[in-house]
N, C-alpha and C. Protein backbone atom coordinates (compact mmCIF):
# COMPACT_ATOMS: atom_id res chain seq x y z
N MET A 1 281.72 80.04 217.46
CA MET A 1 280.79 80.70 216.18
C MET A 1 279.65 81.19 216.89
N ALA A 2 279.39 82.43 216.51
CA ALA A 2 278.31 83.21 217.15
C ALA A 2 276.87 82.95 216.45
N TYR A 3 275.95 82.72 217.13
CA TYR A 3 274.69 82.58 216.73
C TYR A 3 273.71 83.76 217.09
N SER A 4 272.89 83.95 216.09
CA SER A 4 271.79 85.18 216.20
C SER A 4 270.71 84.59 217.00
N ARG A 5 269.91 85.41 217.80
CA ARG A 5 268.89 84.70 218.35
C ARG A 5 267.46 85.67 217.83
N ASP A 6 266.64 84.80 218.08
CA ASP A 6 265.26 85.45 217.31
C ASP A 6 265.16 86.46 218.57
N ALA A 7 264.35 87.51 217.92
CA ALA A 7 263.90 88.56 218.70
C ALA A 7 262.75 88.28 219.50
N ALA A 8 261.78 87.35 219.00
CA ALA A 8 260.55 86.97 219.57
C ALA A 8 260.92 86.07 220.88
N GLY A 9 261.36 84.82 220.60
CA GLY A 9 261.36 83.87 221.69
C GLY A 9 262.86 83.94 222.28
N GLY A 10 263.77 84.56 221.63
CA GLY A 10 265.25 84.66 222.27
C GLY A 10 265.93 83.24 221.98
N GLY A 11 265.26 82.33 221.33
CA GLY A 11 266.51 81.15 220.79
C GLY A 11 266.97 81.55 219.67
N TYR A 12 267.66 80.35 219.05
CA TYR A 12 268.45 80.64 217.89
C TYR A 12 267.59 80.53 216.63
N SER A 13 268.14 81.28 215.59
CA SER A 13 267.11 81.15 214.24
C SER A 13 267.67 80.13 213.71
N ALA A 14 266.79 79.57 212.59
CA ALA A 14 267.07 78.44 211.68
C ALA A 14 268.16 78.78 210.86
N VAL A 15 268.50 80.01 210.54
CA VAL A 15 269.40 80.11 209.41
C VAL A 15 270.75 79.69 210.17
N SER A 16 270.78 80.29 211.39
CA SER A 16 272.33 80.27 211.97
C SER A 16 272.50 78.58 212.60
N LEU A 17 271.57 77.73 212.49
CA LEU A 17 271.65 76.50 212.73
C LEU A 17 271.80 75.72 211.34
N TYR A 18 272.10 76.25 210.35
CA TYR A 18 272.38 75.51 209.22
C TYR A 18 273.44 74.78 208.95
N PRO A 19 274.73 75.81 209.33
CA PRO A 19 276.16 75.02 209.23
C PRO A 19 276.45 73.70 210.32
N VAL A 20 275.58 74.02 211.52
CA VAL A 20 275.81 72.84 212.49
C VAL A 20 275.33 71.88 212.00
N VAL A 21 274.19 71.78 211.45
CA VAL A 21 273.32 70.62 210.82
C VAL A 21 274.07 70.12 209.83
N SER A 22 274.58 70.83 208.73
CA SER A 22 275.13 70.29 207.56
C SER A 22 276.56 69.53 208.20
N ILE A 23 277.15 70.04 209.00
CA ILE A 23 278.45 69.51 209.26
C ILE A 23 277.98 68.36 210.21
N GLY A 24 277.14 68.40 211.05
CA GLY A 24 276.74 67.30 211.92
C GLY A 24 276.33 66.12 211.03
N GLY A 25 275.52 66.51 209.97
CA GLY A 25 275.01 65.61 208.87
C GLY A 25 276.07 64.86 208.01
N LEU A 26 277.18 65.31 207.88
CA LEU A 26 278.36 65.02 206.98
C LEU A 26 278.92 63.95 208.26
N GLY A 27 279.08 64.29 209.33
CA GLY A 27 279.94 63.59 210.12
C GLY A 27 279.24 62.29 210.30
N LEU A 28 278.06 62.34 210.73
CA LEU A 28 277.23 60.81 210.81
C LEU A 28 277.16 60.00 209.37
N VAL A 29 277.20 60.66 208.26
CA VAL A 29 277.69 59.77 207.18
C VAL A 29 278.81 59.45 207.28
N GLY A 30 279.83 59.99 207.34
CA GLY A 30 281.16 59.79 207.47
C GLY A 30 281.51 58.44 208.33
N LEU A 31 280.73 58.60 209.77
CA LEU A 31 280.89 57.76 210.61
C LEU A 31 280.17 56.44 210.36
N TYR A 32 279.07 56.51 209.72
CA TYR A 32 278.28 55.41 209.18
C TYR A 32 278.90 54.39 208.13
N MET A 33 279.85 55.34 207.05
CA MET A 33 280.37 54.57 206.04
C MET A 33 281.75 53.63 206.65
N LEU A 34 282.20 54.48 207.75
CA LEU A 34 283.68 54.02 208.57
C LEU A 34 283.18 52.60 209.35
N LEU A 35 281.88 52.60 209.84
CA LEU A 35 281.59 51.27 210.67
C LEU A 35 281.06 50.61 209.95
N THR A 36 280.68 50.74 208.87
CA THR A 36 279.93 49.56 207.94
C THR A 36 281.15 49.12 206.79
N GLY A 37 282.23 49.49 206.95
CA GLY A 37 283.45 49.09 205.91
C GLY A 37 283.39 49.78 204.81
N SER A 38 282.46 50.53 204.48
CA SER A 38 282.51 51.33 202.88
C SER A 38 283.21 52.67 202.78
N GLY A 39 284.00 52.83 203.78
CA GLY A 39 284.64 54.15 203.58
C GLY A 39 285.46 54.43 202.51
N GLU A 40 285.99 53.49 201.58
CA GLU A 40 286.76 53.44 200.46
C GLU A 40 286.05 54.13 199.41
N GLN A 41 284.71 54.06 199.68
CA GLN A 41 283.94 54.64 198.74
C GLN A 41 283.83 56.27 198.58
N PHE A 42 284.12 56.74 199.62
CA PHE A 42 284.71 58.35 199.90
C PHE A 42 286.04 58.55 199.42
N ASN A 43 286.27 58.59 197.96
CA ASN A 43 287.29 58.52 197.47
C ASN A 43 287.56 59.96 196.74
N VAL A 44 288.18 60.93 197.29
CA VAL A 44 288.37 62.20 196.85
C VAL A 44 289.25 62.34 195.30
N GLY A 45 290.24 61.15 195.31
CA GLY A 45 291.08 61.21 194.05
C GLY A 45 289.96 60.71 192.80
N ASP A 46 289.37 59.76 193.19
CA ASP A 46 288.53 59.30 192.11
C ASP A 46 287.48 60.44 191.64
N PHE A 47 286.82 61.01 192.51
CA PHE A 47 286.04 62.17 192.10
C PHE A 47 286.77 63.09 191.46
N LEU A 48 288.12 63.56 191.82
CA LEU A 48 288.70 64.59 191.27
C LEU A 48 288.89 64.34 189.63
N LEU A 49 289.47 62.93 189.36
CA LEU A 49 289.67 62.30 187.97
C LEU A 49 288.37 61.94 187.46
N SER A 50 287.31 61.81 187.91
CA SER A 50 286.19 61.72 187.32
C SER A 50 285.58 62.69 186.40
N ILE A 51 286.19 63.83 186.84
CA ILE A 51 285.57 65.08 186.02
C ILE A 51 286.72 65.26 184.80
N SER A 52 286.02 65.88 183.79
CA SER A 52 286.87 66.11 182.63
C SER A 52 287.76 67.24 183.07
N PRO A 53 289.17 67.25 182.35
CA PRO A 53 289.87 68.20 182.61
C PRO A 53 289.58 69.45 181.96
N HIS A 54 288.89 69.23 180.88
CA HIS A 54 288.30 70.67 180.45
C HIS A 54 287.25 71.22 181.29
N MET A 55 286.73 70.57 181.97
CA MET A 55 285.37 71.01 183.07
C MET A 55 286.31 71.78 184.08
N TRP A 56 287.43 71.31 184.64
CA TRP A 56 287.90 72.07 185.35
C TRP A 56 288.73 73.10 184.68
N SER A 57 289.06 73.16 183.76
CA SER A 57 289.58 74.53 182.90
C SER A 57 288.64 75.61 182.91
N LEU A 58 287.49 75.06 182.19
CA LEU A 58 286.43 76.12 182.17
C LEU A 58 285.74 76.88 183.21
N LEU A 59 285.97 75.70 184.39
CA LEU A 59 285.25 76.51 185.88
C LEU A 59 286.36 77.43 186.28
N GLY A 60 287.60 77.11 186.19
CA GLY A 60 288.44 77.96 186.57
C GLY A 60 288.50 79.51 186.07
N ILE A 61 288.16 79.33 184.62
CA ILE A 61 288.11 80.65 183.80
C ILE A 61 286.80 81.30 184.11
N SER A 62 285.89 80.53 184.55
CA SER A 62 284.38 81.13 184.84
C SER A 62 284.54 81.63 186.33
N LEU A 63 285.22 81.24 186.90
CA LEU A 63 285.34 82.00 188.56
C LEU A 63 286.32 82.95 188.42
N CYS A 64 287.02 82.92 187.74
CA CYS A 64 288.13 84.06 187.44
C CYS A 64 287.19 85.22 187.01
N VAL A 65 286.51 85.20 185.82
CA VAL A 65 285.63 86.27 185.37
C VAL A 65 284.76 86.68 186.56
N GLY A 66 283.96 85.56 186.88
CA GLY A 66 282.55 85.97 187.86
C GLY A 66 283.12 86.66 189.07
N LEU A 67 284.27 86.08 189.62
CA LEU A 67 284.55 86.73 191.03
C LEU A 67 285.21 88.09 190.88
N SER A 68 286.02 88.24 189.61
CA SER A 68 286.42 89.89 189.48
C SER A 68 285.37 90.69 189.06
N VAL A 69 284.54 90.50 188.17
CA VAL A 69 283.43 91.29 187.91
C VAL A 69 282.60 91.46 189.33
N GLY A 70 282.28 90.52 190.11
CA GLY A 70 281.60 90.71 191.05
C GLY A 70 282.27 91.44 192.46
N GLY A 71 283.62 91.46 192.53
CA GLY A 71 284.38 92.28 193.21
C GLY A 71 284.35 93.89 192.96
N ALA A 72 284.36 93.85 191.31
CA ALA A 72 284.18 95.27 190.70
C ALA A 72 282.79 95.96 191.04
N ALA A 73 281.73 95.00 190.71
CA ALA A 73 280.17 95.69 191.11
C ALA A 73 280.28 96.03 192.41
N TRP A 74 280.89 95.27 193.63
CA TRP A 74 280.81 95.35 194.96
C TRP A 74 281.27 96.77 195.29
N GLY A 75 282.58 96.81 194.77
CA GLY A 75 283.52 98.25 195.18
C GLY A 75 282.84 99.49 194.64
N ILE A 76 282.25 99.39 193.20
CA ILE A 76 281.27 100.46 192.81
C ILE A 76 280.39 100.69 193.72
N PHE A 77 279.25 99.85 194.01
CA PHE A 77 278.07 99.79 194.75
C PHE A 77 278.81 100.85 196.28
N ILE A 78 279.75 100.50 197.00
CA ILE A 78 280.07 100.89 197.96
C ILE A 78 280.77 102.36 197.81
N THR A 79 281.61 102.31 196.93
CA THR A 79 281.94 103.81 196.47
C THR A 79 281.11 104.88 196.11
N GLY A 80 280.17 104.19 195.18
CA GLY A 80 279.06 105.37 194.51
C GLY A 80 278.15 105.62 195.42
N ALA A 81 277.77 104.80 196.59
CA ALA A 81 276.67 105.36 197.69
C ALA A 81 277.04 106.23 198.26
N SER A 82 278.53 106.34 198.76
CA SER A 82 279.05 107.44 199.49
C SER A 82 279.50 108.60 198.80
N LEU A 83 279.73 108.43 197.52
CA LEU A 83 279.96 109.34 196.40
C LEU A 83 278.87 110.07 196.09
N VAL A 84 277.72 109.53 195.70
CA VAL A 84 276.45 110.41 195.65
C VAL A 84 275.98 110.92 197.12
N GLY A 85 275.95 110.23 198.18
CA GLY A 85 275.41 110.78 199.36
C GLY A 85 276.22 111.98 199.65
N GLY A 86 277.87 111.95 199.85
CA GLY A 86 278.49 113.31 200.02
C GLY A 86 278.82 114.30 198.79
N GLY A 87 278.24 113.95 197.58
CA GLY A 87 278.17 114.96 196.58
C GLY A 87 276.82 115.89 196.98
N VAL A 88 275.52 115.16 197.66
CA VAL A 88 274.91 116.14 197.75
C VAL A 88 275.23 117.49 198.71
N HIS A 89 275.92 117.35 199.65
CA HIS A 89 276.34 118.59 200.46
C HIS A 89 277.69 119.18 199.99
N ALA A 90 278.78 118.31 198.98
CA ALA A 90 279.99 118.81 198.63
C ALA A 90 280.04 118.43 197.17
N PRO A 91 279.20 119.09 196.05
CA PRO A 91 279.25 118.59 194.81
C PRO A 91 280.59 118.77 194.01
N ARG A 92 281.71 119.48 194.56
CA ARG A 92 282.84 119.44 194.25
C ARG A 92 283.73 118.05 194.06
N ILE A 93 283.27 116.91 195.00
CA ILE A 93 283.96 115.83 195.11
C ILE A 93 283.76 114.76 193.94
N ILE A 94 282.36 114.95 193.24
CA ILE A 94 281.71 114.09 192.53
C ILE A 94 282.98 113.80 191.48
N THR A 95 283.55 114.90 190.83
CA THR A 95 284.49 114.60 189.77
C THR A 95 285.87 114.00 189.87
N LYS A 96 286.50 114.26 190.82
CA LYS A 96 287.77 113.83 191.02
C LYS A 96 287.57 112.54 191.88
N ASN A 97 286.68 112.18 192.25
CA ASN A 97 286.57 110.94 193.52
C ASN A 97 286.16 109.75 192.27
N LEU A 98 285.80 110.17 190.97
CA LEU A 98 285.60 109.22 189.95
C LEU A 98 286.52 108.24 189.71
N ILE A 99 287.82 108.62 190.08
CA ILE A 99 288.83 107.69 190.07
C ILE A 99 288.79 106.59 190.86
N SER A 100 288.19 106.57 192.04
CA SER A 100 287.64 105.41 192.78
C SER A 100 287.22 104.57 192.19
N ILE A 101 286.08 104.96 191.36
CA ILE A 101 285.29 104.08 190.49
C ILE A 101 285.99 103.34 189.54
N ILE A 102 286.92 104.00 188.78
CA ILE A 102 287.90 103.71 187.68
C ILE A 102 288.85 102.52 188.32
N PHE A 103 289.47 102.66 189.45
CA PHE A 103 290.15 101.57 190.19
C PHE A 103 289.33 100.28 190.58
N CYS A 104 288.10 100.50 190.54
CA CYS A 104 287.16 99.37 190.91
C CYS A 104 286.97 98.64 189.46
N GLU A 105 286.73 99.51 188.65
CA GLU A 105 286.62 98.68 187.13
C GLU A 105 287.76 97.99 186.72
N VAL A 106 288.89 98.49 186.92
CA VAL A 106 290.10 97.93 186.65
C VAL A 106 290.25 96.52 187.25
N VAL A 107 289.58 96.17 188.50
CA VAL A 107 289.72 94.78 188.92
C VAL A 107 288.98 93.90 187.91
N ALA A 108 287.85 94.31 187.60
CA ALA A 108 287.06 93.70 186.37
C ALA A 108 287.92 93.15 185.16
N ILE A 109 288.74 94.43 184.70
CA ILE A 109 289.48 94.12 183.69
C ILE A 109 290.42 93.01 183.81
N TYR A 110 291.02 93.11 184.91
CA TYR A 110 292.04 92.35 185.45
C TYR A 110 291.77 90.76 185.14
N GLY A 111 290.33 90.65 185.63
CA GLY A 111 289.89 89.18 185.33
C GLY A 111 289.55 88.88 184.04
N LEU A 112 289.25 89.63 183.18
CA LEU A 112 288.89 89.56 181.78
C LEU A 112 290.29 89.41 180.99
N ILE A 113 291.34 89.99 181.43
CA ILE A 113 292.51 89.80 180.67
C ILE A 113 292.99 88.42 180.82
N MET A 114 293.04 87.80 182.26
CA MET A 114 293.49 86.30 182.68
C MET A 114 292.50 85.51 182.18
N ALA A 115 291.28 85.84 181.71
CA ALA A 115 290.34 84.86 181.27
C ALA A 115 290.88 84.55 179.95
N ILE A 116 291.05 85.71 178.98
CA ILE A 116 291.71 85.49 177.70
C ILE A 116 292.81 84.84 177.82
N VAL A 117 293.92 85.06 178.45
CA VAL A 117 294.95 84.39 178.75
C VAL A 117 294.73 82.80 179.01
N PHE A 118 293.99 82.43 180.01
CA PHE A 118 293.59 80.92 180.12
C PHE A 118 293.06 80.42 178.87
N THR A 119 292.08 81.02 178.42
CA THR A 119 291.38 80.63 176.88
C THR A 119 292.11 80.16 176.12
N ALA A 120 293.43 80.91 175.81
CA ALA A 120 294.32 80.77 174.41
C ALA A 120 295.06 79.53 174.96
N LYS A 121 295.23 79.30 176.24
CA LYS A 121 295.81 77.79 176.33
C LYS A 121 294.87 76.63 176.24
N LEU A 122 293.64 76.77 176.06
CA LEU A 122 292.98 75.51 175.92
C LEU A 122 292.85 75.03 174.35
N LYS A 123 292.85 73.72 173.93
CA LYS A 123 293.08 73.14 172.84
C LYS A 123 292.20 72.17 172.64
N ASP A 124 291.85 71.85 171.41
CA ASP A 124 291.42 70.45 171.08
C ASP A 124 292.11 69.29 171.20
N GLU A 125 291.42 68.50 171.98
CA GLU A 125 291.98 67.22 172.04
C GLU A 125 291.30 65.79 171.69
N GLN A 126 292.19 64.89 171.37
CA GLN A 126 291.30 63.47 170.98
C GLN A 126 290.91 63.04 172.10
N ASN A 127 289.83 62.14 172.05
CA ASN A 127 289.41 61.37 173.10
C ASN A 127 290.46 60.73 174.05
N SER A 128 291.21 60.13 173.07
CA SER A 128 292.44 59.34 173.64
C SER A 128 293.62 59.98 174.66
N ASP A 129 293.41 61.43 174.37
CA ASP A 129 294.59 62.14 175.05
C ASP A 129 293.86 63.06 175.96
N ILE A 130 292.50 62.96 176.24
CA ILE A 130 291.98 63.99 177.17
C ILE A 130 291.89 63.67 178.85
N THR A 131 292.33 62.31 179.14
CA THR A 131 292.60 61.87 180.47
C THR A 131 294.07 61.51 180.68
N SER A 132 294.85 62.23 179.88
CA SER A 132 296.54 61.94 179.99
C SER A 132 296.64 62.95 181.12
N PRO A 133 298.00 62.82 181.66
CA PRO A 133 298.35 63.21 182.78
C PRO A 133 298.55 64.97 182.73
N GLN A 134 298.92 65.20 181.54
CA GLN A 134 299.27 66.54 180.73
C GLN A 134 297.92 67.53 181.16
N MET A 135 296.64 66.67 180.35
CA MET A 135 295.71 67.48 180.59
C MET A 135 294.99 67.73 181.85
N TYR A 136 295.28 66.70 182.79
CA TYR A 136 294.74 66.73 184.06
C TYR A 136 295.42 67.92 184.72
N TYR A 137 296.82 67.92 184.53
CA TYR A 137 297.86 68.88 185.20
C TYR A 137 297.27 70.63 184.34
N LYS A 138 296.75 70.65 183.18
CA LYS A 138 296.25 71.72 182.53
C LYS A 138 294.94 72.17 183.28
N GLY A 139 294.25 71.14 183.58
CA GLY A 139 292.92 71.51 184.03
C GLY A 139 293.03 72.16 185.32
N PHE A 140 293.80 71.30 186.23
CA PHE A 140 293.99 71.52 187.59
C PHE A 140 294.88 73.03 187.75
N ALA A 141 295.63 73.35 186.83
CA ALA A 141 296.21 74.61 186.98
C ALA A 141 295.49 75.66 186.59
N LEU A 142 294.65 75.72 185.58
CA LEU A 142 293.89 76.58 185.14
C LEU A 142 292.94 76.72 186.04
N PHE A 143 292.07 75.78 186.82
CA PHE A 143 291.41 75.80 187.71
C PHE A 143 291.77 76.74 189.19
N TRP A 144 292.94 76.30 189.58
CA TRP A 144 293.55 77.01 190.67
C TRP A 144 294.20 78.44 190.35
N ALA A 145 294.38 78.57 189.16
CA ALA A 145 294.78 80.11 188.70
C ALA A 145 293.57 80.88 188.51
N GLY A 146 292.74 80.30 188.10
CA GLY A 146 291.33 81.17 187.83
C GLY A 146 290.89 81.31 189.10
N LEU A 147 290.97 80.36 189.94
CA LEU A 147 290.16 80.86 191.53
C LEU A 147 291.07 81.68 192.11
N THR A 148 292.47 81.40 192.30
CA THR A 148 293.35 82.45 192.97
C THR A 148 293.04 84.03 192.34
N THR A 149 293.14 84.15 191.19
CA THR A 149 293.01 85.52 190.58
C THR A 149 291.75 85.93 190.98
N GLY A 150 290.61 85.30 190.78
CA GLY A 150 289.12 85.69 191.21
C GLY A 150 288.87 85.99 192.49
N LEU A 151 289.79 85.26 193.40
CA LEU A 151 289.52 85.69 194.92
C LEU A 151 290.08 86.92 195.27
N CYS A 152 291.42 86.91 194.46
CA CYS A 152 292.08 88.16 194.73
C CYS A 152 291.66 89.43 194.45
N ASN A 153 290.89 89.15 193.23
CA ASN A 153 290.12 90.40 192.61
C ASN A 153 288.75 90.72 193.25
N LEU A 154 288.24 89.71 194.11
CA LEU A 154 286.88 90.20 194.83
C LEU A 154 287.44 90.92 195.86
N ILE A 155 288.55 90.45 196.68
CA ILE A 155 288.88 91.08 197.86
C ILE A 155 289.14 92.55 197.63
N CYS A 156 290.38 92.67 196.56
CA CYS A 156 290.61 93.99 196.04
C CYS A 156 289.56 94.77 195.50
N GLY A 157 288.52 94.34 194.87
CA GLY A 157 287.41 95.26 194.70
C GLY A 157 286.73 96.07 195.83
N VAL A 158 286.65 94.86 196.95
CA VAL A 158 285.90 95.39 198.22
C VAL A 158 286.89 96.23 198.95
N SER A 159 287.97 95.93 198.93
CA SER A 159 289.00 96.73 199.62
C SER A 159 288.91 98.31 198.77
N VAL A 160 288.95 98.25 197.47
CA VAL A 160 289.38 99.74 196.97
C VAL A 160 287.84 100.41 197.02
N GLY A 161 286.40 99.43 197.32
CA GLY A 161 285.45 100.35 197.47
C GLY A 161 285.44 100.96 198.78
N ILE A 162 285.73 100.15 199.86
CA ILE A 162 285.76 100.63 201.28
C ILE A 162 286.81 101.92 201.24
N THR A 163 287.81 101.69 200.37
CA THR A 163 288.95 103.10 201.03
C THR A 163 288.21 104.16 199.75
N GLY A 164 287.81 103.91 198.82
CA GLY A 164 287.37 104.87 198.13
C GLY A 164 285.75 105.71 198.41
N SER A 165 285.21 104.86 199.40
CA SER A 165 284.07 105.45 200.00
C SER A 165 284.50 106.44 201.12
N SER A 166 285.61 105.92 201.81
CA SER A 166 286.33 106.77 202.90
C SER A 166 286.70 108.09 202.28
N ALA A 167 287.59 107.89 201.07
CA ALA A 167 287.99 109.26 200.41
C ALA A 167 287.27 109.88 200.08
N ALA A 168 285.94 109.68 199.56
CA ALA A 168 284.77 110.59 199.28
C ALA A 168 284.14 111.18 200.33
N LEU A 169 284.07 110.47 201.47
CA LEU A 169 283.64 111.39 202.63
C LEU A 169 284.53 112.33 203.12
N ALA A 170 286.01 111.77 203.42
CA ALA A 170 286.97 112.55 203.90
C ALA A 170 286.99 113.72 202.89
N ASP A 171 286.88 113.80 201.88
CA ASP A 171 287.01 114.80 200.59
C ASP A 171 285.95 115.71 201.22
N ALA A 172 284.59 115.36 201.08
CA ALA A 172 283.47 116.21 201.54
C ALA A 172 283.68 117.09 202.89
N GLN A 173 284.68 116.50 203.72
CA GLN A 173 284.81 117.26 204.98
C GLN A 173 286.11 118.20 204.73
N ASP A 174 287.13 117.76 204.09
CA ASP A 174 288.25 118.22 204.06
C ASP A 174 288.94 117.93 202.78
N GLY A 175 289.03 119.05 201.79
CA GLY A 175 289.82 118.61 200.57
C GLY A 175 291.34 118.21 200.94
N GLN A 176 292.01 118.53 201.72
CA GLN A 176 293.14 118.24 201.79
C GLN A 176 293.48 116.90 202.28
N LEU A 177 292.59 115.87 202.66
CA LEU A 177 292.66 114.51 202.67
C LEU A 177 292.37 113.64 201.71
N PHE A 178 291.94 114.21 200.62
CA PHE A 178 291.85 113.30 199.59
C PHE A 178 292.94 112.43 198.96
N VAL A 179 294.04 113.25 198.90
CA VAL A 179 295.22 112.57 198.31
C VAL A 179 295.79 111.54 199.24
N LYS A 180 295.95 111.92 200.62
CA LYS A 180 296.38 110.94 201.55
C LYS A 180 295.57 109.69 201.77
N VAL A 181 294.05 109.88 201.71
CA VAL A 181 293.43 108.51 201.62
C VAL A 181 293.70 107.93 200.14
N LEU A 182 293.86 108.52 198.90
CA LEU A 182 294.03 107.96 197.82
C LEU A 182 295.32 107.15 197.73
N VAL A 183 296.29 107.47 198.52
CA VAL A 183 297.46 106.56 198.45
C VAL A 183 297.23 105.30 199.09
N ILE A 184 296.51 105.31 200.09
CA ILE A 184 296.02 103.94 200.78
C ILE A 184 294.92 103.17 199.95
N GLU A 185 294.14 103.91 199.01
CA GLU A 185 293.40 103.09 197.84
C GLU A 185 294.38 102.61 196.81
N ILE A 186 295.26 103.38 196.37
CA ILE A 186 296.29 102.73 195.55
C ILE A 186 296.96 101.51 196.03
N PHE A 187 297.30 101.58 196.98
CA PHE A 187 297.83 100.06 197.71
C PHE A 187 296.82 99.23 197.82
N GLY A 188 295.47 99.24 198.15
CA GLY A 188 294.63 98.51 198.04
C GLY A 188 294.16 97.76 196.79
N SER A 189 294.75 98.70 195.65
CA SER A 189 293.98 98.03 194.29
C SER A 189 295.31 97.20 193.75
N ILE A 190 296.55 96.78 194.59
CA ILE A 190 297.69 96.43 193.97
C ILE A 190 297.37 94.97 194.33
N ILE A 191 296.20 94.76 195.23
CA ILE A 191 296.18 93.05 195.70
C ILE A 191 295.78 92.55 194.46
N GLY A 192 294.91 93.33 193.64
CA GLY A 192 294.50 92.64 192.39
C GLY A 192 295.59 92.52 191.65
N LEU A 193 296.64 93.02 191.36
CA LEU A 193 297.60 92.84 190.62
C LEU A 193 298.66 91.65 190.93
N PHE A 194 298.78 91.64 192.43
CA PHE A 194 299.19 90.49 192.94
C PHE A 194 298.62 89.13 192.44
N GLY A 195 297.20 89.11 192.66
CA GLY A 195 296.48 87.79 192.00
C GLY A 195 296.66 87.65 190.58
N LEU A 196 296.77 88.61 189.55
CA LEU A 196 297.23 88.54 188.11
C LEU A 196 298.71 87.77 187.99
N ILE A 197 299.49 88.33 188.79
CA ILE A 197 300.67 87.72 188.84
C ILE A 197 300.83 86.31 189.23
N VAL A 198 300.05 85.72 190.33
CA VAL A 198 300.08 84.60 190.74
C VAL A 198 299.50 83.66 189.78
N GLY A 199 298.34 84.13 189.21
CA GLY A 199 297.77 83.30 187.89
C GLY A 199 298.64 83.09 186.81
N LEU A 200 299.22 83.96 186.65
CA LEU A 200 300.37 84.11 185.46
C LEU A 200 301.47 82.84 185.84
N LEU A 201 302.07 83.01 187.03
CA LEU A 201 302.68 82.02 187.41
C LEU A 201 302.29 80.62 187.44
N VAL A 202 301.15 80.48 187.96
CA VAL A 202 300.67 79.12 188.25
C VAL A 202 300.28 78.57 186.79
N SER A 203 300.02 79.27 185.81
CA SER A 203 299.45 78.88 184.35
C SER A 203 300.81 78.71 183.49
N GLY A 204 301.74 79.29 183.92
CA GLY A 204 302.85 79.52 182.94
C GLY A 204 303.61 78.36 182.22
N ARG A 205 303.46 77.18 182.81
CA ARG A 205 303.89 76.16 182.30
C ARG A 205 302.82 75.42 181.64
N VAL A 206 301.71 75.67 181.52
CA VAL A 206 300.75 74.95 181.00
C VAL A 206 300.56 75.50 179.26
N VAL A 207 300.77 74.35 178.85
CA VAL A 207 301.05 74.38 177.22
C VAL A 207 299.81 73.86 176.48
């Protein structure tokens, strides 16, 4: 792990030590619980089952939308900055490079589509049925499907943003390079489609 050094004293900064202190603190707590015979209190299974399945489902849907929109916004920020900067010297690139912005926006649309699909699988259940194995399967399936879709869309948005930025700058220098870089950008945008497919497969058996 790389640590950043303070410019003045040459020592490690406080921010860089946070992960070490956090991991060390958790290790000490775990060792204390183990040596005092209370290690069974740290039960991951009980923690997962103590949370309502609806909570897991809604959390997965929220992560799906939030990460997808975040990836789209990040990609638009990266591409837009280069597009505006390059357009100052070569105004001709602005119109056709808007396709990179559209590719980034499609990532957010993927997340919204999957959120609608996941929400359609939520149903009102009686209190006696909310802790059934089927409900927990639904909750965990929608959580991991939403998280997977959101992370894929986040990475896809950043990938499309970086390649779109490169396409704009390359087009400003040589117009013949735009199509070649655009092919790479199209392959980067497919990552979000893979996440959408995986989300559909994971949640496909949820009724």
